[in-house]
Amino acid sequence: MDVKTFVAAQSWRFAKTYAKTWPHWYIVRKNVDEASFLEFVGIIRKDGYKGKFYNKEIIYYDLDEYTYWTMDATIEDTDIINRTFKKDTYEERLKRGDLPK
C-alpha cells in the first residue's frame, strides 16, 4: 500500500467536539475502502510506536506533518483512524506544558 496516496485520497473530518482541547481529524471505516482502511490500521500497529495519551498507551504512526492512531484493541474492531499535527500530540504538548485544562 502507498500510505501517502491512501491518506491523501481520504476526506478527513474535523472532530468539532475536540476543537478547543484536542484538535484532530478522523475517517470512519464504513465510509472508505474497507480493505485499504484495515491495511493502514495494520501499518499503524506494525510500524508505529508506543506513546501515551494521559495514562492510556496508544500506538502512533508519523507520516509527514501528521501523527495517526486508533483507539480499539484489535484491528478487526477498529472503526476510526485519527490524525493530528505532530506538534499537537499529547507528548509534544506535555513537553511544552500546554495541555488543556
PDB file of N, CA and C in Angstrom:
ATOM      1  N   MET A   1       0.834  -1.191   0.000  1.00  0.00           N
ATOM      2  CA  MET A   1       0.000   0.000   0.000  1.00  0.00           C
ATOM      3  C   MET A   1       0.871   1.245   0.000  1.00  0.00           C
ATOM      4  N   ASP A   2       0.475   2.208  -0.782  1.00  0.00           N
ATOM      5  CA  ASP A   2       1.121   3.518  -0.745  1.00  0.00           C
ATOM      6  C   ASP A   2       0.341   4.364   0.264  1.00  0.00           C
ATOM      7  N   VAL A   3       0.876   4.463   1.460  1.00  0.00           N
ATOM      8  CA  VAL A   3       0.183   5.142   2.561  1.00  0.00           C
ATOM      9  C   VAL A   3      -0.090   6.600   2.219  1.00  0.00           C
ATOM     10  N   LYS A   4       0.860   7.271   1.621  1.00  0.00           N
ATOM     11  CA  LYS A   4       0.663   8.690   1.284  1.00  0.00           C
ATOM     12  C   LYS A   4      -0.507   8.874   0.322  1.00  0.00           C
ATOM     13  N   THR A   5      -0.626   7.980  -0.632  1.00  0.00           N
ATOM     14  CA  THR A   5      -1.745   8.060  -1.566  1.00  0.00           C
ATOM     15  C   THR A   5      -3.063   7.805  -0.845  1.00  0.00           C
ATOM     16  N   PHE A   6      -3.083   6.803   0.036  1.00  0.00           N
ATOM     17  CA  PHE A   6      -4.297   6.489   0.788  1.00  0.00           C
ATOM     18  C   PHE A   6      -4.751   7.677   1.631  1.00  0.00           C
ATOM     19  N   VAL A   7      -3.861   8.239   2.438  1.00  0.00           N
ATOM     20  CA  VAL A   7      -4.290   9.331   3.329  1.00  0.00           C
ATOM     21  C   VAL A   7      -4.676  10.576   2.539  1.00  0.00           C
ATOM     22  N   ALA A   8      -4.006  10.818   1.426  1.00  0.00           N
ATOM     23  CA  ALA A   8      -4.336  11.992   0.607  1.00  0.00           C
ATOM     24  C   ALA A   8      -5.701  11.851  -0.058  1.00  0.00           C
ATOM     25  N   ALA A   9      -6.120  10.637  -0.318  1.00  0.00           N
ATOM     26  CA  ALA A   9      -7.391  10.401  -1.006  1.00  0.00           C
ATOM     27  C   ALA A   9      -8.605  10.469  -0.079  1.00  0.00           C
ATOM     28  N   GLN A  10      -8.364  10.520   1.226  1.00  0.00           N
ATOM     29  CA  GLN A  10      -9.481  10.488   2.168  1.00  0.00           C
ATOM     30  C   GLN A  10     -10.038  11.882   2.448  1.00  0.00           C
ATOM     31  N   SER A  11     -11.306  11.918   2.802  1.00  0.00           N
ATOM     32  CA  SER A  11     -11.949  13.153   3.259  1.00  0.00           C
ATOM     33  C   SER A  11     -11.933  13.131   4.787  1.00  0.00           C
ATOM     34  N   TRP A  12     -10.901  13.694   5.343  1.00  0.00           N
ATOM     35  CA  TRP A  12     -10.727  13.691   6.794  1.00  0.00           C
ATOM     36  C   TRP A  12     -11.714  14.680   7.415  1.00  0.00           C
ATOM     37  N   ARG A  13     -12.464  14.200   8.390  1.00  0.00           N
ATOM     38  CA  ARG A  13     -13.492  15.005   9.050  1.00  0.00           C
ATOM     39  C   ARG A  13     -12.910  15.597  10.334  1.00  0.00           C
ATOM     40  N   PHE A  14     -13.106  16.906  10.510  1.00  0.00           N
ATOM     41  CA  PHE A  14     -12.606  17.567  11.713  1.00  0.00           C
ATOM     42  C   PHE A  14     -13.492  17.191  12.896  1.00  0.00           C
ATOM     43  N   ALA A  15     -12.871  16.829  14.009  1.00  0.00           N
ATOM     44  CA  ALA A  15     -13.594  16.443  15.229  1.00  0.00           C
ATOM     45  C   ALA A  15     -13.991  17.711  15.991  1.00  0.00           C
ATOM     46  N   LYS A  16     -15.156  18.261  15.657  1.00  0.00           N
ATOM     47  CA  LYS A  16     -15.605  19.540  16.230  1.00  0.00           C
ATOM     48  C   LYS A  16     -15.705  19.506  17.751  1.00  0.00           C
ATOM     49  N   THR A  17     -16.071  18.367  18.301  1.00  0.00           N
ATOM     50  CA  THR A  17     -16.224  18.236  19.757  1.00  0.00           C
ATOM     51  C   THR A  17     -14.919  18.547  20.492  1.00  0.00           C
ATOM     52  N   TYR A  18     -13.802  18.260  19.854  1.00  0.00           N
ATOM     53  CA  TYR A  18     -12.495  18.440  20.495  1.00  0.00           C
ATOM     54  C   TYR A  18     -11.715  19.623  19.939  1.00  0.00           C
ATOM     55  N   ALA A  19     -12.379  20.511  19.241  1.00  0.00           N
ATOM     56  CA  ALA A  19     -11.696  21.629  18.572  1.00  0.00           C
ATOM     57  C   ALA A  19     -10.865  22.476  19.526  1.00  0.00           C
ATOM     58  N   LYS A  20     -11.367  22.729  20.715  1.00  0.00           N
ATOM     59  CA  LYS A  20     -10.658  23.609  21.663  1.00  0.00           C
ATOM     60  C   LYS A  20      -9.639  22.871  22.514  1.00  0.00           C
ATOM     61  N   THR A  21      -9.805  21.562  22.673  1.00  0.00           N
ATOM     62  CA  THR A  21      -8.899  20.826  23.554  1.00  0.00           C
ATOM     63  C   THR A  21      -7.904  19.951  22.796  1.00  0.00           C
ATOM     64  N   TRP A  22      -8.400  19.088  21.922  1.00  0.00           N
ATOM     65  CA  TRP A  22      -7.561  18.135  21.196  1.00  0.00           C
ATOM     66  C   TRP A  22      -7.930  18.146  19.719  1.00  0.00           C
ATOM     67  N   PRO A  23      -7.553  19.202  18.989  1.00  0.00           N
ATOM     68  CA  PRO A  23      -7.930  19.271  17.573  1.00  0.00           C
ATOM     69  C   PRO A  23      -7.342  18.096  16.786  1.00  0.00           C
ATOM     70  N   HIS A  24      -8.227  17.438  16.042  1.00  0.00           N
ATOM     71  CA  HIS A  24      -7.795  16.328  15.198  1.00  0.00           C
ATOM     72  C   HIS A  24      -8.868  16.040  14.153  1.00  0.00           C
ATOM     73  N   TRP A  25      -8.529  15.163  13.215  1.00  0.00           N
ATOM     74  CA  TRP A  25      -9.406  14.744  12.148  1.00  0.00           C
ATOM     75  C   TRP A  25      -9.530  13.231  12.201  1.00  0.00           C
ATOM     76  N   TYR A  26     -10.544  12.707  11.539  1.00  0.00           N
ATOM     77  CA  TYR A  26     -10.736  11.262  11.538  1.00  0.00           C
ATOM     78  C   TYR A  26     -11.432  10.807  10.259  1.00  0.00           C
ATOM     79  N   ILE A  27     -11.278   9.501   9.987  1.00  0.00           N
ATOM     80  CA  ILE A  27     -12.054   8.839   8.942  1.00  0.00           C
ATOM     81  C   ILE A  27     -12.734   7.633   9.576  1.00  0.00           C
ATOM     82  N   VAL A  28     -13.879   7.250   9.005  1.00  0.00           N
ATOM     83  CA  VAL A  28     -14.669   6.141   9.521  1.00  0.00           C
ATOM     84  C   VAL A  28     -14.620   4.987   8.526  1.00  0.00           C
ATOM     85  N   ARG A  29     -14.376   3.819   9.032  1.00  0.00           N
ATOM     86  CA  ARG A  29     -14.203   2.609   8.216  1.00  0.00           C
ATOM     87  C   ARG A  29     -15.316   2.422   7.194  1.00  0.00           C
ATOM     88  N   LYS A  30     -16.571   2.598   7.606  1.00  0.00           N
ATOM     89  CA  LYS A  30     -17.695   2.337   6.697  1.00  0.00           C
ATOM     90  C   LYS A  30     -17.773   3.327   5.537  1.00  0.00           C
ATOM     91  N   ASN A  31     -17.027   4.439   5.632  1.00  0.00           N
ATOM     92  CA  ASN A  31     -17.081   5.472   4.598  1.00  0.00           C
ATOM     93  C   ASN A  31     -15.918   5.436   3.609  1.00  0.00           C
ATOM     94  N   VAL A  32     -15.015   4.468   3.785  1.00  0.00           N
ATOM     95  CA  VAL A  32     -13.847   4.372   2.906  1.00  0.00           C
ATOM     96  C   VAL A  32     -13.696   2.924   2.445  1.00  0.00           C
ATOM     97  N   ASP A  33     -12.750   2.689   1.547  1.00  0.00           N
ATOM     98  CA  ASP A  33     -12.475   1.326   1.111  1.00  0.00           C
ATOM     99  C   ASP A  33     -12.007   0.498   2.306  1.00  0.00           C
ATOM    100  N   GLU A  34     -12.783  -0.519   2.656  1.00  0.00           N
ATOM    101  CA  GLU A  34     -12.509  -1.273   3.885  1.00  0.00           C
ATOM    102  C   GLU A  34     -11.158  -1.988   3.863  1.00  0.00           C
ATOM    103  N   ALA A  35     -10.816  -2.598   2.752  1.00  0.00           N
ATOM    104  CA  ALA A  35      -9.538  -3.317   2.677  1.00  0.00           C
ATOM    105  C   ALA A  35      -8.363  -2.361   2.885  1.00  0.00           C
ATOM    106  N   SER A  36      -8.417  -1.193   2.263  1.00  0.00           N
ATOM    107  CA  SER A  36      -7.339  -0.207   2.424  1.00  0.00           C
ATOM    108  C   SER A  36      -7.316   0.345   3.846  1.00  0.00           C
ATOM    109  N   PHE A  37      -8.495   0.585   4.405  1.00  0.00           N
ATOM    110  CA  PHE A  37      -8.590   1.061   5.787  1.00  0.00           C
ATOM    111  C   PHE A  37      -7.901   0.073   6.728  1.00  0.00           C
ATOM    112  N   LEU A  38      -8.266  -1.195   6.618  1.00  0.00           N
ATOM    113  CA  LEU A  38      -7.691  -2.214   7.503  1.00  0.00           C
ATOM    114  C   LEU A  38      -6.195  -2.383   7.268  1.00  0.00           C
ATOM    115  N   GLU A  39      -5.770  -2.238   6.035  1.00  0.00           N
ATOM    116  CA  GLU A  39      -4.335  -2.336   5.743  1.00  0.00           C
ATOM    117  C   GLU A  39      -3.579  -1.189   6.423  1.00  0.00           C
ATOM    118  N   PHE A  40      -4.143   0.013   6.370  1.00  0.00           N
ATOM    119  CA  PHE A  40      -3.487   1.146   7.030  1.00  0.00           C
ATOM    120  C   PHE A  40      -3.487   0.976   8.548  1.00  0.00           C
ATOM    121  N   VAL A  41      -4.568   0.462   9.112  1.00  0.00           N
ATOM    122  CA  VAL A  41      -4.585   0.180  10.553  1.00  0.00           C
ATOM    123  C   VAL A  41      -3.460  -0.804  10.888  1.00  0.00           C
ATOM    124  N   GLY A  42      -3.285  -1.820  10.065  1.00  0.00           N
ATOM    125  CA  GLY A  42      -2.206  -2.789  10.283  1.00  0.00           C
ATOM    126  C   GLY A  42      -0.834  -2.136  10.217  1.00  0.00           C
ATOM    127  N   ILE A  43      -0.652  -1.208   9.299  1.00  0.00           N
ATOM    128  CA  ILE A  43       0.621  -0.487   9.188  1.00  0.00           C
ATOM    129  C   ILE A  43       0.854   0.365  10.432  1.00  0.00           C
ATOM    130  N   ILE A  44      -0.181   1.054  10.887  1.00  0.00           N
ATOM    131  CA  ILE A  44      -0.046   1.850  12.124  1.00  0.00           C
ATOM    132  C   ILE A  44       0.410   0.954  13.259  1.00  0.00           C
ATOM    133  N   ARG A  45      -0.223  -0.200  13.406  1.00  0.00           N
ATOM    134  CA  ARG A  45       0.097  -1.116  14.515  1.00  0.00           C
ATOM    135  C   ARG A  45       1.489  -1.737  14.372  1.00  0.00           C
ATOM    136  N   LYS A  46       1.872  -2.071  13.132  1.00  0.00           N
ATOM    137  CA  LYS A  46       3.159  -2.757  12.911  1.00  0.00           C
ATOM    138  C   LYS A  46       4.341  -1.791  12.911  1.00  0.00           C
ATOM    139  N   ASP A  47       4.181  -0.648  12.237  1.00  0.00           N
ATOM    140  CA  ASP A  47       5.301   0.269  12.042  1.00  0.00           C
ATOM    141  C   ASP A  47       5.277   1.471  12.979  1.00  0.00           C
ATOM    142  N   GLY A  48       4.235   1.557  13.795  1.00  0.00           N
ATOM    143  CA  GLY A  48       4.116   2.686  14.706  1.00  0.00           C
ATOM    144  C   GLY A  48       4.957   2.520  15.959  1.00  0.00           C
ATOM    145  N   TYR A  49       4.739   3.401  16.897  1.00  0.00           N
ATOM    146  CA  TYR A  49       5.494   3.390  18.159  1.00  0.00           C
ATOM    147  C   TYR A  49       4.542   3.627  19.316  1.00  0.00           C
ATOM    148  N   LYS A  50       4.926   3.106  20.480  1.00  0.00           N
ATOM    149  CA  LYS A  50       4.100   3.272  21.672  1.00  0.00           C
ATOM    150  C   LYS A  50       4.259   4.681  22.223  1.00  0.00           C
ATOM    151  N   GLY A  51       3.137   5.262  22.563  1.00  0.00           N
ATOM    152  CA  GLY A  51       3.128   6.584  23.174  1.00  0.00           C
ATOM    153  C   GLY A  51       2.011   6.648  24.194  1.00  0.00           C
ATOM    154  N   LYS A  52       1.843   7.786  24.775  1.00  0.00           N
ATOM    155  CA  LYS A  52       0.829   7.971  25.816  1.00  0.00           C
ATOM    156  C   LYS A  52      -0.189   9.017  25.395  1.00  0.00           C
ATOM    157  N   PHE A  53      -1.377   8.870  25.944  1.00  0.00           N
ATOM    158  CA  PHE A  53      -2.395   9.916  25.973  1.00  0.00           C
ATOM    159  C   PHE A  53      -2.899   9.883  27.406  1.00  0.00           C
ATOM    160  N   TYR A  54      -2.353  10.782  28.208  1.00  0.00           N
ATOM    161  CA  TYR A  54      -2.540  10.749  29.659  1.00  0.00           C
ATOM    162  C   TYR A  54      -2.064   9.373  30.137  1.00  0.00           C
ATOM    163  N   ASN A  55      -2.928   8.552  30.739  1.00  0.00           N
ATOM    164  CA  ASN A  55      -2.489   7.248  31.249  1.00  0.00           C
ATOM    165  C   ASN A  55      -2.711   6.108  30.265  1.00  0.00           C
ATOM    166  N   LYS A  56      -3.288   6.409  29.120  1.00  0.00           N
ATOM    167  CA  LYS A  56      -3.584   5.369  28.129  1.00  0.00           C
ATOM    168  C   LYS A  56      -2.404   5.213  27.167  1.00  0.00           C
ATOM    169  N   GLU A  57      -2.019   3.969  26.930  1.00  0.00           N
ATOM    170  CA  GLU A  57      -0.965   3.689  25.950  1.00  0.00           C
ATOM    171  C   GLU A  57      -1.599   3.521  24.574  1.00  0.00           C
ATOM    172  N   ILE A  58      -1.024   4.198  23.587  1.00  0.00           N
ATOM    173  CA  ILE A  58      -1.542   4.186  22.220  1.00  0.00           C
ATOM    174  C   ILE A  58      -0.383   3.950  21.265  1.00  0.00           C
ATOM    175  N   ILE A  59      -0.669   3.308  20.146  1.00  0.00           N
ATOM    176  CA  ILE A  59       0.346   3.156  19.105  1.00  0.00           C
ATOM    177  C   ILE A  59       0.125   4.268  18.091  1.00  0.00           C
ATOM    178  N   TYR A  60       1.155   5.072  17.912  1.00  0.00           N
ATOM    179  CA  TYR A  60       1.118   6.205  16.988  1.00  0.00           C
ATOM    180  C   TYR A  60       1.961   5.892  15.754  1.00  0.00           C
ATOM    181  N   TYR A  61       1.631   6.560  14.672  1.00  0.00           N
ATOM    182  CA  TYR A  61       2.362   6.398  13.417  1.00  0.00           C
ATOM    183  C   TYR A  61       2.523   7.790  12.806  1.00  0.00           C
ATOM    184  N   ASP A  62       3.749   8.187  12.547  1.00  0.00           N
ATOM    185  CA  ASP A  62       4.027   9.504  11.978  1.00  0.00           C
ATOM    186  C   ASP A  62       4.223   9.410  10.467  1.00  0.00           C
ATOM    187  N   LEU A  63       3.629  10.371   9.773  1.00  0.00           N
ATOM    188  CA  LEU A  63       3.799  10.481   8.324  1.00  0.00           C
ATOM    189  C   LEU A  63       3.719  11.952   7.973  1.00  0.00           C
ATOM    190  N   ASP A  64       4.813  12.452   7.420  1.00  0.00           N
ATOM    191  CA  ASP A  64       4.917  13.874   7.101  1.00  0.00           C
ATOM    192  C   ASP A  64       4.588  14.694   8.354  1.00  0.00           C
ATOM    193  N   GLU A  65       3.667  15.666   8.277  1.00  0.00           N
ATOM    194  CA  GLU A  65       3.433  16.518   9.448  1.00  0.00           C
ATOM    195  C   GLU A  65       2.363  15.978  10.393  1.00  0.00           C
ATOM    196  N   TYR A  66       1.822  14.779  10.104  1.00  0.00           N
ATOM    197  CA  TYR A  66       0.741  14.222  10.900  1.00  0.00           C
ATOM    198  C   TYR A  66       1.167  13.011  11.723  1.00  0.00           C
ATOM    199  N   THR A  67       0.433  12.814  12.809  1.00  0.00           N
ATOM    200  CA  THR A  67       0.522  11.601  13.613  1.00  0.00           C
ATOM    201  C   THR A  67      -0.845  10.932  13.553  1.00  0.00           C
ATOM    202  N   TYR A  68      -0.846   9.623  13.294  1.00  0.00           N
ATOM    203  CA  TYR A  68      -2.068   8.830  13.146  1.00  0.00           C
ATOM    204  C   TYR A  68      -2.170   7.843  14.295  1.00  0.00           C
ATOM    205  N   TRP A  69      -3.414   7.497  14.678  1.00  0.00           N
ATOM    206  CA  TRP A  69      -3.627   6.498  15.721  1.00  0.00           C
ATOM    207  C   TRP A  69      -5.050   5.964  15.649  1.00  0.00           C
ATOM    208  N   THR A  70      -5.239   4.837  16.338  1.00  0.00           N
ATOM    209  CA  THR A  70      -6.571   4.263  16.503  1.00  0.00           C
ATOM    210  C   THR A  70      -6.773   4.025  17.997  1.00  0.00           C
ATOM    211  N   MET A  71      -8.007   3.730  18.378  1.00  0.00           N
ATOM    212  CA  MET A  71      -8.308   3.580  19.804  1.00  0.00           C
ATOM    213  C   MET A  71      -8.735   2.164  20.193  1.00  0.00           C
ATOM    214  N   ASP A  72      -9.077   1.321  19.244  1.00  0.00           N
ATOM    215  CA  ASP A  72      -9.609  -0.001  19.562  1.00  0.00           C
ATOM    216  C   ASP A  72      -8.505  -1.009  19.832  1.00  0.00           C
ATOM    217  N   ALA A  73      -8.864  -2.057  20.555  1.00  0.00           N
ATOM    218  CA  ALA A  73      -7.882  -3.061  20.962  1.00  0.00           C
ATOM    219  C   ALA A  73      -7.362  -3.898  19.799  1.00  0.00           C
ATOM    220  N   THR A  74      -8.227  -4.214  18.843  1.00  0.00           N
ATOM    221  CA  THR A  74      -7.798  -5.060  17.726  1.00  0.00           C
ATOM    222  C   THR A  74      -8.019  -4.343  16.397  1.00  0.00           C
ATOM    223  N   ILE A  75      -7.333  -4.811  15.399  1.00  0.00           N
ATOM    224  CA  ILE A  75      -7.510  -4.264  14.047  1.00  0.00           C
ATOM    225  C   ILE A  75      -8.947  -4.495  13.591  1.00  0.00           C
ATOM    226  N   GLU A  76      -9.468  -5.684  13.858  1.00  0.00           N
ATOM    227  CA  GLU A  76     -10.813  -6.032  13.414  1.00  0.00           C
ATOM    228  C   GLU A  76     -11.887  -5.140  14.049  1.00  0.00           C
ATOM    229  N   ASP A  77     -11.660  -4.683  15.269  1.00  0.00           N
ATOM    230  CA  ASP A  77     -12.630  -3.832  15.977  1.00  0.00           C
ATOM    231  C   ASP A  77     -12.510  -2.353  15.616  1.00  0.00           C
ATOM    232  N   THR A  78     -11.475  -1.997  14.899  1.00  0.00           N
ATOM    233  CA  THR A  78     -11.204  -0.586  14.633  1.00  0.00           C
ATOM    234  C   THR A  78     -12.142  -0.026  13.580  1.00  0.00           C
ATOM    235  N   ASP A  79     -12.833   1.056  13.950  1.00  0.00           N
ATOM    236  CA  ASP A  79     -13.764   1.722  13.046  1.00  0.00           C
ATOM    237  C   ASP A  79     -13.323   3.130  12.679  1.00  0.00           C
ATOM    238  N   ILE A  80     -12.343   3.668  13.406  1.00  0.00           N
ATOM    239  CA  ILE A  80     -11.923   5.054  13.193  1.00  0.00           C
ATOM    240  C   ILE A  80     -10.407   5.146  13.195  1.00  0.00           C
ATOM    241  N   ILE A  81      -9.871   5.917  12.261  1.00  0.00           N
ATOM    242  CA  ILE A  81      -8.459   6.305  12.277  1.00  0.00           C
ATOM    243  C   ILE A  81      -8.447   7.813  12.507  1.00  0.00           C
ATOM    244  N   ASN A  82      -7.637   8.226  13.479  1.00  0.00           N
ATOM    245  CA  ASN A  82      -7.494   9.639  13.820  1.00  0.00           C
ATOM    246  C   ASN A  82      -6.155  10.166  13.323  1.00  0.00           C
ATOM    247  N   ARG A  83      -6.097  11.494  13.160  1.00  0.00           N
ATOM    248  CA  ARG A  83      -4.814  12.125  12.883  1.00  0.00           C
ATOM    249  C   ARG A  83      -4.832  13.552  13.432  1.00  0.00           C
ATOM    250  N   THR A  84      -3.642  13.998  13.789  1.00  0.00           N
ATOM    251  CA  THR A  84      -3.444  15.381  14.206  1.00  0.00           C
ATOM    252  C   THR A  84      -2.059  15.800  13.752  1.00  0.00           C
ATOM    253  N   PHE A  85      -1.793  17.099  13.836  1.00  0.00           N
ATOM    254  CA  PHE A  85      -0.441  17.554  13.549  1.00  0.00           C
ATOM    255  C   PHE A  85       0.494  17.025  14.630  1.00  0.00           C
ATOM    256  N   LYS A  86       1.702  16.648  14.250  1.00  0.00           N
ATOM    257  CA  LYS A  86       2.667  16.127  15.222  1.00  0.00           C
ATOM    258  C   LYS A  86       2.829  17.063  16.409  1.00  0.00           C
ATOM    259  N   LYS A  87       2.810  18.360  16.136  1.00  0.00           N
ATOM    260  CA  LYS A  87       3.007  19.335  17.206  1.00  0.00           C
ATOM    261  C   LYS A  87       1.855  19.350  18.212  1.00  0.00           C
ATOM    262  N   ASP A  88       0.720  18.741  17.850  1.00  0.00           N
ATOM    263  CA  ASP A  88      -0.446  18.750  18.725  1.00  0.00           C
ATOM    264  C   ASP A  88      -0.682  17.430  19.450  1.00  0.00           C
ATOM    265  N   THR A  89       0.263  16.510  19.388  1.00  0.00           N
ATOM    266  CA  THR A  89       0.105  15.251  20.106  1.00  0.00           C
ATOM    267  C   THR A  89       0.248  15.488  21.610  1.00  0.00           C
ATOM    268  N   TYR A  90      -0.264  14.549  22.381  1.00  0.00           N
ATOM    269  CA  TYR A  90      -0.184  14.647  23.838  1.00  0.00           C
ATOM    270  C   TYR A  90       1.257  14.841  24.292  1.00  0.00           C
ATOM    271  N   GLU A  91       2.165  14.015  23.811  1.00  0.00           N
ATOM    272  CA  GLU A  91       3.545  14.071  24.304  1.00  0.00           C
ATOM    273  C   GLU A  91       4.230  15.385  23.942  1.00  0.00           C
ATOM    274  N   GLU A  92       3.954  15.925  22.747  1.00  0.00           N
ATOM    275  CA  GLU A  92       4.542  17.219  22.374  1.00  0.00           C
ATOM    276  C   GLU A  92       3.957  18.349  23.228  1.00  0.00           C
ATOM    277  N   ARG A  93       2.656  18.293  23.456  1.00  0.00           N
ATOM    278  CA  ARG A  93       2.026  19.322  24.282  1.00  0.00           C
ATOM    279  C   ARG A  93       2.465  19.202  25.741  1.00  0.00           C
ATOM    280  N   LEU A  94       2.671  17.987  26.214  1.00  0.00           N
ATOM    281  CA  LEU A  94       3.178  17.781  27.580  1.00  0.00           C
ATOM    282  C   LEU A  94       4.565  18.423  27.722  1.00  0.00           C
ATOM    283  N   LYS A  95       5.438  18.199  26.727  1.00  0.00           N
ATOM    284  CA  LYS A  95       6.773  18.807  26.748  1.00  0.00           C
ATOM    285  C   LYS A  95       6.702  20.330  26.806  1.00  0.00           C
ATOM    286  N   ARG A  96       5.763  20.913  26.060  1.00  0.00           N
ATOM    287  CA  ARG A  96       5.624  22.366  26.022  1.00  0.00           C
ATOM    288  C   ARG A  96       4.855  22.917  27.227  1.00  0.00           C
ATOM    289  N   GLY A  97       4.186  22.050  27.945  1.00  0.00           N
ATOM    290  CA  GLY A  97       3.405  22.494  29.088  1.00  0.00           C
ATOM    291  C   GLY A  97       2.099  23.166  28.711  1.00  0.00           C
ATOM    292  N   ASP A  98       1.511  22.771  27.575  1.00  0.00           N
ATOM    293  CA  ASP A  98       0.247  23.395  27.183  1.00  0.00           C
ATOM    294  C   ASP A  98      -0.880  22.391  26.982  1.00  0.00           C
ATOM    295  N   LEU A  99      -0.975  21.431  27.918  1.00  0.00           N
ATOM    296  CA  LEU A  99      -2.108  20.508  27.898  1.00  0.00           C
ATOM    297  C   LEU A  99      -3.375  21.276  28.258  1.00  0.00           C
ATOM    298  N   PRO A 100      -4.524  20.830  27.715  1.00  0.00           N
ATOM    299  CA  PRO A 100      -5.775  21.521  28.070  1.00  0.00           C
ATOM    300  C   PRO A 100      -6.091  21.346  29.551  1.00  0.00           C
ATOM    301  N   LYS A 101      -6.788  22.321  30.084  1.00  0.00           N
ATOM    302  CA  LYS A 101      -7.185  22.288  31.496  1.00  0.00           C
ATOM    303  C   LYS A 101      -8.341  21.331  31.690  1.00  0.00           C
TER     304      LYS A 101
END
